[in-house]
Amino acid sequence: QSLTRLSEHAQLYSRNTLAEHLRHERALPPRGKEQPAMNGAKVE
């Protein structure tokens, strides 16, 4: 499970269109619904 989470972090970090492909392949929620909006402390 930890390695799977790490894979998702790495793919997000890669900053290319592969992230969209992974969203489709893994049936991830669409962009903007993956997690609640960051609060002020997290943005800072």
PDB file of all heavy atoms in Angstrom:
ATOM      1  N   GLN A   1       0.821  -1.208   0.000  1.00  0.00           N
ATOM      2  CA  GLN A   1       0.000   0.000   0.000  1.00  0.00           C
ATOM      3  C   GLN A   1       0.851   1.252   0.000  1.00  0.00           C
ATOM      4  O   GLN A   1       0.559   2.234  -0.690  1.00  0.00           O
ATOM      5  CB  GLN A   1      -0.937  -0.008   1.212  1.00  0.00           C
ATOM      6  CG  GLN A   1      -2.049  -1.049   1.138  1.00  0.00           C
ATOM      7  CD  GLN A   1      -1.574  -2.448   1.497  1.00  0.00           C
ATOM      8  OE1 GLN A   1      -0.448  -2.627   1.969  1.00  0.00           O
ATOM      9  NE2 GLN A   1      -2.435  -3.426   1.261  1.00  0.00           N
ATOM     10  N   SER A   2       1.941   1.248   0.785  1.00  0.00           N
ATOM     11  CA  SER A   2       2.830   2.416   0.819  1.00  0.00           C
ATOM     12  C   SER A   2       3.469   2.659  -0.534  1.00  0.00           C
ATOM     13  O   SER A   2       3.596   3.790  -0.995  1.00  0.00           O
ATOM     14  CB  SER A   2       3.922   2.214   1.880  1.00  0.00           C
ATOM     15  OG  SER A   2       3.354   2.160   3.168  1.00  0.00           O
ATOM     16  N   LEU A   3       3.892   1.571  -1.193  1.00  0.00           N
ATOM     17  CA  LEU A   3       4.518   1.720  -2.503  1.00  0.00           C
ATOM     18  C   LEU A   3       3.516   2.234  -3.527  1.00  0.00           C
ATOM     19  O   LEU A   3       3.855   3.007  -4.417  1.00  0.00           O
ATOM     20  CB  LEU A   3       5.089   0.374  -2.945  1.00  0.00           C
ATOM     21  CG  LEU A   3       6.353  -0.045  -2.198  1.00  0.00           C
ATOM     22  CD1 LEU A   3       6.663  -1.503  -2.487  1.00  0.00           C
ATOM     23  CD2 LEU A   3       7.523   0.837  -2.573  1.00  0.00           C
ATOM     24  N   THR A   4       2.253   1.787  -3.402  1.00  0.00           N
ATOM     25  CA  THR A   4       1.233   2.272  -4.328  1.00  0.00           C
ATOM     26  C   THR A   4       1.007   3.760  -4.148  1.00  0.00           C
ATOM     27  O   THR A   4       0.896   4.513  -5.114  1.00  0.00           O
ATOM     28  CB  THR A   4      -0.082   1.509  -4.107  1.00  0.00           C
ATOM     29  OG1 THR A   4       0.159   0.111  -4.309  1.00  0.00           O
ATOM     30  CG2 THR A   4      -1.153   1.967  -5.080  1.00  0.00           C
ATOM     31  N   ARG A   5       0.938   4.214  -2.890  1.00  0.00           N
ATOM     32  CA  ARG A   5       0.792   5.657  -2.638  1.00  0.00           C
ATOM     33  C   ARG A   5       1.990   6.407  -3.192  1.00  0.00           C
ATOM     34  O   ARG A   5       1.860   7.472  -3.777  1.00  0.00           O
ATOM     35  CB  ARG A   5       0.667   5.919  -1.136  1.00  0.00           C
ATOM     36  CG  ARG A   5      -0.667   5.495  -0.545  1.00  0.00           C
ATOM     37  CD  ARG A   5      -0.876   6.151   0.817  1.00  0.00           C
ATOM     38  NE  ARG A   5       0.194   5.837   1.740  1.00  0.00           N
ATOM     39  CZ  ARG A   5       0.194   4.776   2.530  1.00  0.00           C
ATOM     40  NH1 ARG A   5      -0.815   3.921   2.502  1.00  0.00           N
ATOM     41  NH2 ARG A   5       1.198   4.565   3.359  1.00  0.00           N
ATOM     42  N   LEU A   6       3.173   5.853  -3.009  1.00  0.00           N
ATOM     43  CA  LEU A   6       4.379   6.500  -3.511  1.00  0.00           C
ATOM     44  C   LEU A   6       4.351   6.600  -5.024  1.00  0.00           C
ATOM     45  O   LEU A   6       4.762   7.615  -5.608  1.00  0.00           O
ATOM     46  CB  LEU A   6       5.607   5.703  -3.065  1.00  0.00           C
ATOM     47  CG  LEU A   6       6.973   6.204  -3.526  1.00  0.00           C
ATOM     48  CD1 LEU A   6       7.151   7.663  -3.137  1.00  0.00           C
ATOM     49  CD2 LEU A   6       8.060   5.353  -2.917  1.00  0.00           C
ATOM     50  N   SER A   7       3.853   5.562  -5.697  1.00  0.00           N
ATOM     51  CA  SER A   7       3.743   5.628  -7.150  1.00  0.00           C
ATOM     52  C   SER A   7       2.850   6.790  -7.568  1.00  0.00           C
ATOM     53  O   SER A   7       3.164   7.530  -8.496  1.00  0.00           O
ATOM     54  CB  SER A   7       3.165   4.308  -7.675  1.00  0.00           C
ATOM     55  OG  SER A   7       2.864   4.413  -9.036  1.00  0.00           O
ATOM     56  N   GLU A   8       1.724   6.936  -6.875  1.00  0.00           N
ATOM     57  CA  GLU A   8       0.804   8.019  -7.239  1.00  0.00           C
ATOM     58  C   GLU A   8       1.444   9.380  -7.016  1.00  0.00           C
ATOM     59  O   GLU A   8       1.279  10.303  -7.809  1.00  0.00           O
ATOM     60  CB  GLU A   8      -0.485   7.873  -6.427  1.00  0.00           C
ATOM     61  CG  GLU A   8      -1.271   6.629  -6.833  1.00  0.00           C
ATOM     62  CD  GLU A   8      -2.405   6.324  -5.872  1.00  0.00           C
ATOM     63  OE1 GLU A   8      -2.476   6.994  -4.816  1.00  0.00           O
ATOM     64  OE2 GLU A   8      -3.198   5.428  -6.168  1.00  0.00           O
ATOM     65  N   HIS A   9       2.221   9.519  -5.906  1.00  0.00           N
ATOM     66  CA  HIS A   9       2.941  10.776  -5.663  1.00  0.00           C
ATOM     67  C   HIS A   9       3.934  11.053  -6.793  1.00  0.00           C
ATOM     68  O   HIS A   9       4.039  12.168  -7.299  1.00  0.00           O
ATOM     69  CB  HIS A   9       3.707  10.697  -4.337  1.00  0.00           C
ATOM     70  CG  HIS A   9       2.830  10.750  -3.127  1.00  0.00           C
ATOM     71  ND1 HIS A   9       1.761  11.608  -3.027  1.00  0.00           N
ATOM     72  CD2 HIS A   9       2.871  10.052  -1.959  1.00  0.00           C
ATOM     73  CE1 HIS A   9       1.185  11.440  -1.840  1.00  0.00           C
ATOM     74  NE2 HIS A   9       1.834  10.509  -1.186  1.00  0.00           N
ATOM     75  N   ALA A  10       4.682  10.021  -7.182  1.00  0.00           N
ATOM     76  CA  ALA A  10       5.704  10.223  -8.208  1.00  0.00           C
ATOM     77  C   ALA A  10       5.088  10.614  -9.538  1.00  0.00           C
ATOM     78  O   ALA A  10       5.613  11.473 -10.248  1.00  0.00           O
ATOM     79  CB  ALA A  10       6.531   8.943  -8.380  1.00  0.00           C
ATOM     80  N   GLN A  11       3.966   9.990  -9.875  1.00  0.00           N
ATOM     81  CA  GLN A  11       3.350  10.310 -11.151  1.00  0.00           C
ATOM     82  C   GLN A  11       2.800  11.737 -11.160  1.00  0.00           C
ATOM     83  O   GLN A  11       2.885  12.446 -12.163  1.00  0.00           O
ATOM     84  CB  GLN A  11       2.226   9.309 -11.453  1.00  0.00           C
ATOM     85  CG  GLN A  11       2.713   7.867 -11.609  1.00  0.00           C
ATOM     86  CD  GLN A  11       3.729   7.727 -12.703  1.00  0.00           C
ATOM     87  OE1 GLN A  11       3.825   8.558 -13.584  1.00  0.00           O
ATOM     88  NE2 GLN A  11       4.536   6.682 -12.645  1.00  0.00           N
ATOM     89  N   LEU A  12       2.202  12.160 -10.027  1.00  0.00           N
ATOM     90  CA  LEU A  12       1.711  13.527  -9.935  1.00  0.00           C
ATOM     91  C   LEU A  12       2.855  14.508 -10.078  1.00  0.00           C
ATOM     92  O   LEU A  12       2.757  15.533 -10.748  1.00  0.00           O
ATOM     93  CB  LEU A  12       1.007  13.724  -8.581  1.00  0.00           C
ATOM     94  CG  LEU A  12       0.577  15.153  -8.223  1.00  0.00           C
ATOM     95  CD1 LEU A  12      -0.432  15.660  -9.261  1.00  0.00           C
ATOM     96  CD2 LEU A  12      -0.038  15.173  -6.830  1.00  0.00           C
ATOM     97  N   TYR A  13       3.971  14.152  -9.448  1.00  0.00           N
ATOM     98  CA  TYR A  13       5.137  15.034  -9.460  1.00  0.00           C
ATOM     99  C   TYR A  13       5.756  15.159 -10.843  1.00  0.00           C
ATOM    100  O   TYR A  13       6.425  16.141 -11.170  1.00  0.00           O
ATOM    101  CB  TYR A  13       6.155  14.481  -8.460  1.00  0.00           C
ATOM    102  CG  TYR A  13       7.495  15.133  -8.477  1.00  0.00           C
ATOM    103  CD1 TYR A  13       7.625  16.504  -8.290  1.00  0.00           C
ATOM    104  CD2 TYR A  13       8.641  14.368  -8.682  1.00  0.00           C
ATOM    105  CE1 TYR A  13       8.861  17.100  -8.296  1.00  0.00           C
ATOM    106  CE2 TYR A  13       9.873  14.960  -8.684  1.00  0.00           C
ATOM    107  CZ  TYR A  13       9.985  16.329  -8.487  1.00  0.00           C
ATOM    108  OH  TYR A  13      11.215  16.897  -8.493  1.00  0.00           O
ATOM    109  N   SER A  14       5.560  14.171 -11.715  1.00  0.00           N
ATOM    110  CA  SER A  14       6.249  14.154 -13.001  1.00  0.00           C
ATOM    111  C   SER A  14       5.844  15.277 -13.931  1.00  0.00           C
ATOM    112  O   SER A  14       6.516  15.541 -14.911  1.00  0.00           O
ATOM    113  CB  SER A  14       6.027  12.809 -13.703  1.00  0.00           C
ATOM    114  OG  SER A  14       4.666  12.663 -14.027  1.00  0.00           O
ATOM    115  N   ARG A  15       4.703  15.953 -13.675  1.00  0.00           N
ATOM    116  CA  ARG A  15       4.327  17.154 -14.416  1.00  0.00           C
ATOM    117  C   ARG A  15       4.199  16.920 -15.920  1.00  0.00           C
ATOM    118  O   ARG A  15       4.660  17.702 -16.740  1.00  0.00           O
ATOM    119  CB  ARG A  15       5.334  18.271 -14.170  1.00  0.00           C
ATOM    120  CG  ARG A  15       5.484  18.696 -12.735  1.00  0.00           C
ATOM    121  CD  ARG A  15       6.668  19.600 -12.572  1.00  0.00           C
ATOM    122  NE  ARG A  15       6.473  20.821 -13.318  1.00  0.00           N
ATOM    123  CZ  ARG A  15       7.463  21.565 -13.784  1.00  0.00           C
ATOM    124  NH1 ARG A  15       8.696  21.214 -13.608  1.00  0.00           N
ATOM    125  NH2 ARG A  15       7.223  22.687 -14.434  1.00  0.00           N
ATOM    126  N   ASN A  16       3.571  15.852 -16.319  1.00  0.00           N
ATOM    127  CA  ASN A  16       3.332  15.661 -17.745  1.00  0.00           C
ATOM    128  C   ASN A  16       1.972  15.007 -17.949  1.00  0.00           C
ATOM    129  O   ASN A  16       1.256  14.693 -17.006  1.00  0.00           O
ATOM    130  CB  ASN A  16       4.456  14.842 -18.413  1.00  0.00           C
ATOM    131  CG  ASN A  16       4.637  13.496 -17.747  1.00  0.00           C
ATOM    132  OD1 ASN A  16       3.675  12.819 -17.445  1.00  0.00           O
ATOM    133  ND2 ASN A  16       5.881  13.115 -17.512  1.00  0.00           N
ATOM    134  N   THR A  17       1.615  14.797 -19.200  1.00  0.00           N
ATOM    135  CA  THR A  17       0.272  14.312 -19.510  1.00  0.00           C
ATOM    136  C   THR A  17       0.048  12.882 -19.063  1.00  0.00           C
ATOM    137  O   THR A  17      -1.086  12.404 -19.098  1.00  0.00           O
ATOM    138  CB  THR A  17       0.033  14.383 -21.027  1.00  0.00           C
ATOM    139  OG1 THR A  17       1.062  13.649 -21.701  1.00  0.00           O
ATOM    140  CG2 THR A  17       0.069  15.827 -21.514  1.00  0.00           C
ATOM    141  N   LEU A  18       1.089  12.183 -18.614  1.00  0.00           N
ATOM    142  CA  LEU A  18       0.891  10.834 -18.111  1.00  0.00           C
ATOM    143  C   LEU A  18      -0.080  10.815 -16.942  1.00  0.00           C
ATOM    144  O   LEU A  18      -0.803   9.838 -16.734  1.00  0.00           O
ATOM    145  CB  LEU A  18       2.234  10.234 -17.678  1.00  0.00           C
ATOM    146  CG  LEU A  18       2.196   8.801 -17.128  1.00  0.00           C
ATOM    147  CD1 LEU A  18       1.690   7.854 -18.194  1.00  0.00           C
ATOM    148  CD2 LEU A  18       3.562   8.394 -16.615  1.00  0.00           C
ATOM    149  N   ALA A  19      -0.137  11.891 -16.167  1.00  0.00           N
ATOM    150  CA  ALA A  19      -1.041  11.939 -15.015  1.00  0.00           C
ATOM    151  C   ALA A  19      -2.486  11.756 -15.459  1.00  0.00           C
ATOM    152  O   ALA A  19      -3.276  11.073 -14.786  1.00  0.00           O
ATOM    153  CB  ALA A  19      -0.888  13.273 -14.282  1.00  0.00           C
ATOM    154  N   GLU A  20      -2.864  12.373 -16.587  1.00  0.00           N
ATOM    155  CA  GLU A  20      -4.223  12.216 -17.085  1.00  0.00           C
ATOM    156  C   GLU A  20      -4.484  10.764 -17.489  1.00  0.00           C
ATOM    157  O   GLU A  20      -5.564  10.218 -17.262  1.00  0.00           O
ATOM    158  CB  GLU A  20      -4.449  13.147 -18.273  1.00  0.00           C
ATOM    159  CG  GLU A  20      -4.322  14.629 -17.927  1.00  0.00           C
ATOM    160  CD  GLU A  20      -5.351  15.059 -16.896  1.00  0.00           C
ATOM    161  OE1 GLU A  20      -6.428  14.428 -16.822  1.00  0.00           O
ATOM    162  OE2 GLU A  20      -5.077  16.014 -16.165  1.00  0.00           O
ATOM    163  N   HIS A  21      -3.473  10.150 -18.093  1.00  0.00           N
ATOM    164  CA  HIS A  21      -3.616   8.746 -18.488  1.00  0.00           C
ATOM    165  C   HIS A  21      -3.820   7.865 -17.259  1.00  0.00           C
ATOM    166  O   HIS A  21      -4.654   6.963 -17.247  1.00  0.00           O
ATOM    167  CB  HIS A  21      -2.361   8.303 -19.248  1.00  0.00           C
ATOM    168  CG  HIS A  21      -2.330   6.833 -19.551  1.00  0.00           C
ATOM    169  ND1 HIS A  21      -3.154   6.242 -20.482  1.00  0.00           N
ATOM    170  CD2 HIS A  21      -1.575   5.835 -19.021  1.00  0.00           C
ATOM    171  CE1 HIS A  21      -2.902   4.943 -20.533  1.00  0.00           C
ATOM    172  NE2 HIS A  21      -1.956   4.676 -19.646  1.00  0.00           N
ATOM    173  N   LEU A  22      -3.047   8.135 -16.194  1.00  0.00           N
ATOM    174  CA  LEU A  22      -3.176   7.342 -14.986  1.00  0.00           C
ATOM    175  C   LEU A  22      -4.536   7.542 -14.329  1.00  0.00           C
ATOM    176  O   LEU A  22      -5.097   6.624 -13.743  1.00  0.00           O
ATOM    177  CB  LEU A  22      -2.066   7.715 -13.994  1.00  0.00           C
ATOM    178  CG  LEU A  22      -0.660   7.277 -14.404  1.00  0.00           C
ATOM    179  CD1 LEU A  22       0.348   7.815 -13.409  1.00  0.00           C
ATOM    180  CD2 LEU A  22      -0.572   5.767 -14.473  1.00  0.00           C
ATOM    181  N   ARG A  23      -5.067   8.736 -14.404  1.00  0.00           N
ATOM    182  CA  ARG A  23      -6.397   8.960 -13.853  1.00  0.00           C
ATOM    183  C   ARG A  23      -7.419   8.039 -14.529  1.00  0.00           C
ATOM    184  O   ARG A  23      -8.320   7.496 -13.896  1.00  0.00           O
ATOM    185  CB  ARG A  23      -6.808  10.428 -14.035  1.00  0.00           C
ATOM    186  CG  ARG A  23      -6.175  11.360 -13.023  1.00  0.00           C
ATOM    187  CD  ARG A  23      -6.770  12.752 -13.136  1.00  0.00           C
ATOM    188  NE  ARG A  23      -6.244  13.590 -12.091  1.00  0.00           N
ATOM    189  CZ  ARG A  23      -5.083  14.227 -12.156  1.00  0.00           C
ATOM    190  NH1 ARG A  23      -4.355  14.120 -13.236  1.00  0.00           N
ATOM    191  NH2 ARG A  23      -4.662  14.956 -11.154  1.00  0.00           N
ATOM    192  N   HIS A  24      -7.269   7.882 -15.831  1.00  0.00           N
ATOM    193  CA  HIS A  24      -8.210   7.025 -16.565  1.00  0.00           C
ATOM    194  C   HIS A  24      -7.984   5.555 -16.226  1.00  0.00           C
ATOM    195  O   HIS A  24      -8.913   4.804 -15.945  1.00  0.00           O
ATOM    196  CB  HIS A  24      -8.031   7.248 -18.061  1.00  0.00           C
ATOM    197  CG  HIS A  24      -8.858   6.304 -18.896  1.00  0.00           C
ATOM    198  ND1 HIS A  24     -10.219   6.423 -19.010  1.00  0.00           N
ATOM    199  CD2 HIS A  24      -8.486   5.219 -19.624  1.00  0.00           C
ATOM    200  CE1 HIS A  24     -10.673   5.451 -19.800  1.00  0.00           C
ATOM    201  NE2 HIS A  24      -9.647   4.712 -20.178  1.00  0.00           N
ATOM    202  N   GLU A  25      -6.672   5.152 -16.225  1.00  0.00           N
ATOM    203  CA  GLU A  25      -6.359   3.752 -16.020  1.00  0.00           C
ATOM    204  C   GLU A  25      -6.734   3.283 -14.610  1.00  0.00           C
ATOM    205  O   GLU A  25      -7.150   2.146 -14.419  1.00  0.00           O
ATOM    206  CB  GLU A  25      -4.864   3.514 -16.262  1.00  0.00           C
ATOM    207  CG  GLU A  25      -4.447   3.651 -17.723  1.00  0.00           C
ATOM    208  CD  GLU A  25      -5.080   2.585 -18.584  1.00  0.00           C
ATOM    209  OE1 GLU A  25      -5.179   1.439 -18.125  1.00  0.00           O
ATOM    210  OE2 GLU A  25      -5.503   2.902 -19.711  1.00  0.00           O
ATOM    211  N   ARG A  26      -6.550   4.163 -13.614  1.00  0.00           N
ATOM    212  CA  ARG A  26      -6.821   3.768 -12.233  1.00  0.00           C
ATOM    213  C   ARG A  26      -8.185   4.247 -11.747  1.00  0.00           C
ATOM    214  O   ARG A  26      -8.504   4.131 -10.579  1.00  0.00           O
ATOM    215  CB  ARG A  26      -5.736   4.337 -11.310  1.00  0.00           C
ATOM    216  CG  ARG A  26      -4.353   3.834 -11.667  1.00  0.00           C
ATOM    217  CD  ARG A  26      -3.349   4.302 -10.649  1.00  0.00           C
ATOM    218  NE  ARG A  26      -2.008   3.899 -11.022  1.00  0.00           N
ATOM    219  CZ  ARG A  26      -0.945   4.093 -10.273  1.00  0.00           C
ATOM    220  NH1 ARG A  26      -1.054   4.688  -9.124  1.00  0.00           N
ATOM    221  NH2 ARG A  26       0.248   3.695 -10.685  1.00  0.00           N
ATOM    222  N   ALA A  27      -8.977   4.818 -12.667  1.00  0.00           N
ATOM    223  CA  ALA A  27     -10.313   5.309 -12.322  1.00  0.00           C
ATOM    224  C   ALA A  27     -10.262   6.276 -11.162  1.00  0.00           C
ATOM    225  O   ALA A  27     -11.082   6.229 -10.248  1.00  0.00           O
ATOM    226  CB  ALA A  27     -11.233   4.130 -11.994  1.00  0.00           C
ATOM    227  N   LEU A  28      -9.262   7.153 -11.168  1.00  0.00           N
ATOM    228  CA  LEU A  28      -9.145   8.152 -10.120  1.00  0.00           C
ATOM    229  C   LEU A  28     -10.195   9.225 -10.336  1.00  0.00           C
ATOM    230  O   LEU A  28     -10.661   9.437 -11.452  1.00  0.00           O
ATOM    231  CB  LEU A  28      -7.748   8.772 -10.136  1.00  0.00           C
ATOM    232  CG  LEU A  28      -6.594   7.827  -9.807  1.00  0.00           C
ATOM    233  CD1 LEU A  28      -5.288   8.588  -9.907  1.00  0.00           C
ATOM    234  CD2 LEU A  28      -6.759   7.235  -8.422  1.00  0.00           C
ATOM    235  N   PRO A  29     -10.575   9.941  -9.289  1.00  0.00           N
ATOM    236  CA  PRO A  29     -11.535  11.024  -9.455  1.00  0.00           C
ATOM    237  C   PRO A  29     -10.987  12.078 -10.385  1.00  0.00           C
ATOM    238  O   PRO A  29      -9.773  12.225 -10.522  1.00  0.00           O
ATOM    239  CB  PRO A  29     -11.690  11.573  -8.021  1.00  0.00           C
ATOM    240  CG  PRO A  29     -11.199  10.485  -7.122  1.00  0.00           C
ATOM    241  CD  PRO A  29     -10.149   9.760  -7.904  1.00  0.00           C
ATOM    242  N   PRO A  30     -11.848  12.837 -11.069  1.00  0.00           N
ATOM    243  CA  PRO A  30     -11.376  13.882 -11.975  1.00  0.00           C
ATOM    244  C   PRO A  30     -10.649  14.969 -11.221  1.00  0.00           C
ATOM    245  O   PRO A  30     -10.816  15.130 -10.019  1.00  0.00           O
ATOM    246  CB  PRO A  30     -12.673  14.411 -12.603  1.00  0.00           C
ATOM    247  CG  PRO A  30     -13.745  14.041 -11.625  1.00  0.00           C
ATOM    248  CD  PRO A  30     -13.322  12.745 -11.016  1.00  0.00           C
ATOM    249  N   ARG A  31      -9.821  15.697 -11.961  1.00  0.00           N
ATOM    250  CA  ARG A  31      -9.050  16.787 -11.366  1.00  0.00           C
ATOM    251  C   ARG A  31     -10.016  17.751 -10.654  1.00  0.00           C
ATOM    252  O   ARG A  31     -11.066  18.093 -11.143  1.00  0.00           O
ATOM    253  CB  ARG A  31      -8.278  17.540 -12.451  1.00  0.00           C
ATOM    254  CG  ARG A  31      -7.345  18.596 -11.890  1.00  0.00           C
ATOM    255  CD  ARG A  31      -6.663  19.349 -13.012  1.00  0.00           C
ATOM    256  NE  ARG A  31      -5.877  18.468 -13.862  1.00  0.00           N
ATOM    257  CZ  ARG A  31      -4.641  18.104 -13.575  1.00  0.00           C
ATOM    258  NH1 ARG A  31      -4.067  18.528 -12.484  1.00  0.00           N
ATOM    259  NH2 ARG A  31      -3.978  17.332 -14.409  1.00  0.00           N
ATOM    260  N   GLY A  32      -9.590  18.158  -9.484  1.00  0.00           N
ATOM    261  CA  GLY A  32     -10.393  19.075  -8.699  1.00  0.00           C
ATOM    262  C   GLY A  32     -11.244  18.368  -7.664  1.00  0.00           C
ATOM    263  O   GLY A  32     -11.779  18.987  -6.755  1.00  0.00           O
ATOM    264  N   LYS A  33     -11.369  17.015  -7.767  1.00  0.00           N
ATOM    265  CA  LYS A  33     -12.158  16.273  -6.795  1.00  0.00           C
ATOM    266  C   LYS A  33     -11.313  15.233  -6.070  1.00  0.00           C
ATOM    267  O   LYS A  33     -11.815  14.391  -5.361  1.00  0.00           O
ATOM    268  CB  LYS A  33     -13.328  15.578  -7.485  1.00  0.00           C
ATOM    269  CG  LYS A  33     -14.324  16.557  -8.118  1.00  0.00           C
ATOM    270  CD  LYS A  33     -15.486  15.827  -8.726  1.00  0.00           C
ATOM    271  CE  LYS A  33     -16.472  16.808  -9.362  1.00  0.00           C
ATOM    272  NZ  LYS A  33     -17.621  16.111  -9.976  1.00  0.00           N
ATOM    273  N   GLU A  34     -10.010  15.294  -6.253  1.00  0.00           N
ATOM    274  CA  GLU A  34      -9.146  14.297  -5.645  1.00  0.00           C
ATOM    275  C   GLU A  34      -9.061  14.452  -4.140  1.00  0.00           C
ATOM    276  O   GLU A  34      -8.922  13.495  -3.398  1.00  0.00           O
ATOM    277  CB  GLU A  34      -7.743  14.377  -6.256  1.00  0.00           C
ATOM    278  CG  GLU A  34      -7.730  13.977  -7.726  1.00  0.00           C
ATOM    279  CD  GLU A  34      -6.383  14.231  -8.351  1.00  0.00           C
ATOM    280  OE1 GLU A  34      -5.661  15.102  -7.862  1.00  0.00           O
ATOM    281  OE2 GLU A  34      -6.057  13.550  -9.322  1.00  0.00           O
ATOM    282  N   GLN A  35      -9.119  15.703  -3.648  1.00  0.00           N
ATOM    283  CA  GLN A  35      -8.991  15.954  -2.232  1.00  0.00           C
ATOM    284  C   GLN A  35      -9.608  17.308  -1.945  1.00  0.00           C
ATOM    285  O   GLN A  35      -9.782  18.127  -2.844  1.00  0.00           O
ATOM    286  CB  GLN A  35      -7.521  15.954  -1.810  1.00  0.00           C
ATOM    287  CG  GLN A  35      -6.684  16.973  -2.552  1.00  0.00           C
ATOM    288  CD  GLN A  35      -5.212  16.842  -2.195  1.00  0.00           C
ATOM    289  OE1 GLN A  35      -4.779  15.863  -1.635  1.00  0.00           O
ATOM    290  NE2 GLN A  35      -4.468  17.857  -2.516  1.00  0.00           N
ATOM    291  N   PRO A  36      -9.961  17.556  -0.684  1.00  0.00           N
ATOM    292  CA  PRO A  36     -10.517  18.853  -0.340  1.00  0.00           C
ATOM    293  C   PRO A  36      -9.528  19.958  -0.644  1.00  0.00           C
ATOM    294  O   PRO A  36      -8.317  19.744  -0.685  1.00  0.00           O
ATOM    295  CB  PRO A  36     -10.780  18.731   1.173  1.00  0.00           C
ATOM    296  CG  PRO A  36     -10.823  17.252   1.446  1.00  0.00           C
ATOM    297  CD  PRO A  36      -9.914  16.640   0.455  1.00  0.00           C
ATOM    298  N   ALA A  37     -10.061  21.161  -0.856  1.00  0.00           N
ATOM    299  CA  ALA A  37      -9.182  22.298  -1.129  1.00  0.00           C
ATOM    300  C   ALA A  37      -8.238  22.512   0.031  1.00  0.00           C
ATOM    301  O   ALA A  37      -8.581  22.322   1.193  1.00  0.00           O
ATOM    302  CB  ALA A  37     -10.033  23.557  -1.343  1.00  0.00           C
ATOM    303  N   MET A  38      -6.999  22.920  -0.264  1.00  0.00           N
ATOM    304  CA  MET A  38      -6.003  23.163   0.762  1.00  0.00           C
ATOM    305  C   MET A  38      -6.404  24.377   1.577  1.00  0.00           C
ATOM    306  O   MET A  38      -6.818  25.394   1.041  1.00  0.00           O
ATOM    307  CB  MET A  38      -4.627  23.389   0.128  1.00  0.00           C
ATOM    308  CG  MET A  38      -4.121  22.190  -0.650  1.00  0.00           C
ATOM    309  SD  MET A  38      -2.558  22.526  -1.450  1.00  0.00           S
ATOM    310  CE  MET A  38      -1.496  22.630  -0.011  1.00  0.00           C
ATOM    311  N   ASN A  39      -6.293  24.261   2.904  1.00  0.00           N
ATOM    312  CA  ASN A  39      -6.602  25.416   3.728  1.00  0.00           C
ATOM    313  C   ASN A  39      -5.441  26.396   3.701  1.00  0.00           C
ATOM    314  O   ASN A  39      -4.394  26.136   3.099  1.00  0.00           O
ATOM    315  CB  ASN A  39      -6.933  24.985   5.164  1.00  0.00           C
ATOM    316  CG  ASN A  39      -5.777  24.234   5.826  1.00  0.00           C
ATOM    317  OD1 ASN A  39      -4.620  24.504   5.544  1.00  0.00           O
ATOM    318  ND2 ASN A  39      -6.111  23.298   6.703  1.00  0.00           N
ATOM    319  N   GLY A  40      -5.599  27.520   4.386  1.00  0.00           N
ATOM    320  CA  GLY A  40      -4.570  28.557   4.325  1.00  0.00           C
ATOM    321  C   GLY A  40      -3.222  28.094   4.807  1.00  0.00           C
ATOM    322  O   GLY A  40      -2.185  28.434   4.240  1.00  0.00           O
ATOM    323  N   ALA A  41      -3.209  27.259   5.873  1.00  0.00           N
ATOM    324  CA  ALA A  41      -1.930  26.793   6.410  1.00  0.00           C
ATOM    325  C   ALA A  41      -1.205  25.913   5.407  1.00  0.00           C
ATOM    326  O   ALA A  41       0.012  26.002   5.242  1.00  0.00           O
ATOM    327  CB  ALA A  41      -2.169  26.005   7.707  1.00  0.00           C
ATOM    328  N   LYS A  42      -1.976  25.060   4.687  1.00  0.00           N
ATOM    329  CA  LYS A  42      -1.332  24.180   3.714  1.00  0.00           C
ATOM    330  C   LYS A  42      -0.837  24.974   2.511  1.00  0.00           C
ATOM    331  O   LYS A  42       0.199  24.662   1.932  1.00  0.00           O
ATOM    332  CB  LYS A  42      -2.294  23.082   3.271  1.00  0.00           C
ATOM    333  CG  LYS A  42      -2.559  22.050   4.360  1.00  0.00           C
ATOM    334  CD  LYS A  42      -3.427  20.924   3.846  1.00  0.00           C
ATOM    335  CE  LYS A  42      -3.638  19.870   4.909  1.00  0.00           C
ATOM    336  NZ  LYS A  42      -4.486  18.758   4.418  1.00  0.00           N
ATOM    337  N   VAL A  43      -1.583  25.961   2.092  1.00  0.00           N
ATOM    338  CA  VAL A  43      -1.125  26.790   0.985  1.00  0.00           C
ATOM    339  C   VAL A  43       0.169  27.495   1.355  1.00  0.00           C
ATOM    340  O   VAL A  43       1.121  27.562   0.569  1.00  0.00           O
ATOM    341  CB  VAL A  43      -2.210  27.820   0.607  1.00  0.00           C
ATOM    342  CG1 VAL A  43      -1.664  28.828  -0.391  1.00  0.00           C
ATOM    343  CG2 VAL A  43      -3.434  27.116   0.033  1.00  0.00           C
ATOM    344  N   GLU A  44       0.223  27.993   2.598  1.00  0.00           N
ATOM    345  CA  GLU A  44       1.444  28.664   3.038  1.00  0.00           C
ATOM    346  C   GLU A  44       2.607  27.684   3.086  1.00  0.00           C
ATOM    347  O   GLU A  44       3.738  28.000   2.685  1.00  0.00           O
ATOM    348  CB  GLU A  44       1.218  29.262   4.427  1.00  0.00           C
ATOM    349  CG  GLU A  44       2.421  30.021   4.962  1.00  0.00           C
ATOM    350  CD  GLU A  44       2.161  30.624   6.328  1.00  0.00           C
ATOM    351  OE1 GLU A  44       1.010  30.555   6.797  1.00  0.00           O
ATOM    352  OE2 GLU A  44       3.108  31.171   6.916  1.00  0.00           O
TER     353      GLU A  44
END
